[in-house]
Protein backbone atom coordinates (compact mmCIF):
# COMPACT_ATOMS: atom_id res chain seq x y z
CA UNK A 1 32.26 -27.55 -12.86
CA UNK A 2 29.29 -26.93 -14.92
CA UNK A 3 26.28 -25.59 -13.45
CA UNK A 4 23.19 -26.48 -15.67
CA UNK A 5 19.41 -25.05 -15.32
CA UNK A 6 16.29 -26.64 -16.35
CA UNK A 7 14.85 -25.30 -19.71
CA UNK A 8 11.67 -23.86 -19.46
CA UNK A 9 9.60 -20.90 -17.66
CA UNK A 10 11.26 -20.51 -13.68
CA UNK A 11 9.08 -20.60 -10.88
CA UNK A 12 10.80 -18.51 -8.62
CA UNK A 13 11.61 -14.66 -9.17
CA UNK A 14 14.78 -14.18 -7.53
CA UNK A 15 16.89 -15.61 -10.59
CA UNK A 16 15.30 -13.19 -12.83
CA UNK A 17 17.44 -10.12 -12.71
CA UNK A 18 15.64 -8.78 -9.59
CA UNK A 19 15.32 -4.95 -8.73
CA UNK A 20 14.39 -3.70 -5.39
CA UNK A 21 11.01 -2.13 -4.44
CA UNK A 22 11.14 0.32 -1.62
CA UNK A 23 8.70 3.04 -1.26
CA UNK A 24 6.65 4.84 1.53
CA UNK A 25 5.96 7.66 3.68
CA UNK A 26 4.29 9.20 6.78
CA UNK A 27 1.45 11.56 6.72
CA UNK A 28 -0.67 13.95 9.28
CA UNK A 29 -3.12 14.84 6.43
CA UNK A 30 -4.98 18.06 6.99
CA UNK A 31 -8.60 17.87 7.83
CA UNK A 32 -10.69 17.17 4.70
CA UNK A 33 -7.90 15.50 2.45
CA UNK A 34 -6.52 12.50 1.27
CA UNK A 35 -2.64 12.07 1.49
CA UNK A 36 -1.09 9.28 -0.76
CA UNK A 37 1.68 7.26 1.36
CA UNK A 38 2.92 5.01 -1.40
CA UNK A 39 2.00 4.29 -4.85
CA UNK A 40 3.93 1.70 -7.25
CA UNK A 41 3.18 0.66 -10.68
CA UNK A 42 4.87 -2.42 -12.56
CA UNK A 43 6.82 -1.57 -15.49
CA UNK A 44 6.01 -2.73 -19.11
CA UNK A 45 7.87 -6.36 -19.38
CA UNK A 46 8.23 -6.82 -15.37
CA UNK A 47 6.73 -8.67 -12.72
CA UNK A 48 6.56 -8.00 -9.13
CA UNK A 49 5.91 -9.75 -5.64
CA UNK A 50 5.49 -6.90 -2.91
CA UNK A 51 4.16 -6.55 0.44
CA UNK A 52 2.02 -3.66 1.56
CA UNK A 53 1.32 -1.85 4.50
CA UNK A 54 -0.25 0.80 6.51
CA UNK A 55 -0.91 1.95 9.67
CA UNK A 56 -2.96 4.91 11.45
CA UNK A 57 -3.48 6.11 14.78
CA UNK A 58 -5.72 8.95 15.94
CA UNK A 59 -3.56 12.16 17.64
CA UNK A 60 -6.70 14.16 18.94
CA UNK A 61 -10.07 12.93 19.12
CA UNK A 62 -12.22 12.78 16.04
CA UNK A 63 -14.88 15.38 15.83
CA UNK A 64 -18.72 14.78 15.58
CA UNK A 65 -19.22 13.71 12.12
CA UNK A 66 -15.67 13.35 11.47
CA UNK A 67 -14.47 10.20 9.71
CA UNK A 68 -11.11 9.02 8.93
CA UNK A 69 -9.49 5.82 6.92
CA UNK A 70 -6.38 4.37 5.76
CA UNK A 71 -6.81 2.38 2.13
CA UNK A 72 -4.73 0.03 -0.15
CA UNK A 73 -6.07 -0.01 -3.36
CA UNK A 74 -4.95 -2.20 -6.31
CA UNK A 75 -5.89 -1.38 -9.87
CA UNK A 76 -5.25 -4.35 -12.27
CA UNK A 77 -3.95 -3.27 -15.78
CA UNK A 78 -7.20 -2.93 -17.80
CA UNK A 79 -9.17 -3.61 -14.67
CA UNK A 80 -11.00 -1.70 -12.09
CA UNK A 81 -9.94 -0.36 -8.75
CA UNK A 82 -10.09 -2.61 -6.15
CA UNK A 83 -9.87 -2.14 -2.33
CA UNK A 84 -7.28 -4.56 -0.86
CA UNK A 85 -7.70 -3.24 3.13
CA UNK A 86 -9.15 -0.28 4.60
CA UNK A 87 -9.03 1.07 8.24
CA UNK A 88 -12.12 3.13 9.09
CA UNK A 89 -12.32 5.31 11.93
CA UNK A 90 -15.73 6.80 13.37
CA UNK A 91 -16.67 10.09 14.95
CA UNK A 92 -15.31 10.32 18.39
CA UNK A 93 -12.46 7.83 18.05
CA UNK A 94 -10.42 8.16 21.14
CA UNK A 95 -6.70 9.73 21.18
CA UNK A 96 -4.09 7.10 20.89
CA UNK A 97 -6.08 4.51 19.21
CA UNK A 98 -4.27 2.69 16.90
CA UNK A 99 -4.84 0.23 13.99
CA UNK A 100 -2.73 -1.32 11.30
CA UNK A 101 -3.16 -3.60 8.25
CA UNK A 102 -1.30 -7.27 7.95
CA UNK A 103 1.23 -7.18 5.49
CA UNK A 104 -0.55 -7.81 2.40
CA UNK A 105 1.44 -9.78 -0.44
CA UNK A 106 0.48 -9.39 -3.74
CA UNK A 107 1.92 -10.54 -6.85
CA UNK A 108 1.46 -8.01 -9.84
CA UNK A 109 2.04 -8.01 -13.56
CA UNK A 110 3.13 -5.25 -16.07
CA UNK A 111 0.90 -2.07 -15.85
CA UNK A 112 -0.90 -2.99 -12.08
CA UNK A 113 -0.87 -0.29 -9.72
CA UNK A 114 -1.02 -0.23 -6.08
CA UNK A 115 -2.13 2.94 -3.69
CA UNK A 116 -1.69 3.28 -0.16
CA UNK A 117 -3.56 6.51 1.24
CA UNK A 118 -5.38 8.18 4.28
CA UNK A 119 -7.96 10.29 4.37
CA UNK A 120 -9.59 12.68 6.78
CA UNK A 121 -12.74 14.85 6.78
CA UNK A 122 -13.24 18.21 8.00
CA UNK A 123 -13.10 18.30 11.60
CA UNK A 124 -11.21 19.11 14.77
CA UNK A 125 -9.47 15.57 15.28
CA UNK A 126 -6.15 14.64 13.77
CA UNK A 127 -4.39 11.41 12.62
CA UNK A 128 -0.83 9.97 11.70
CA UNK A 129 -0.58 7.46 9.12
CA UNK A 130 2.48 5.84 7.74
CA UNK A 131 2.58 3.17 4.63
CA UNK A 132 4.77 1.15 2.80
CA UNK A 133 5.41 -0.91 -0.63
CA UNK A 134 8.42 -3.43 -0.33
CA UNK A 135 9.37 -6.23 -2.59
CA UNK A 136 11.42 -7.45 -5.71
CA UNK A 137 10.61 -6.71 -9.33
CA UNK A 138 11.53 -8.82 -12.06
CA UNK A 139 11.68 -9.66 -15.73
CA UNK A 140 8.53 -10.98 -16.96
């Protein structure tokens, strides 16, 4: 039996030597710091279709004038940083409050960078955060 494929560019990434992208972590940042939960840069001559997500929760009540956030940013190759999603927590946010991003699907070219980060201002409150980047990377 012969199998023939159409000539020209392929429309689906799954038939072009794919490899899996799977990174992420959990953090409880120290007050006054930023933690990187996941980072991914598309290698040269590759493209990627990924899903990015971040979730944050308040462990202890945030202090007066203490803010926290969870952010997904994208920096296109040759471009400026762009905020894709941001969860913002304000002073005195109650304990056990939760916030999660939708699954953000992105198609990236070589050199594009995605960061998943959480930040906690100085103060008495504590947060818990998790972030992940999953998807497929394939030949350009």
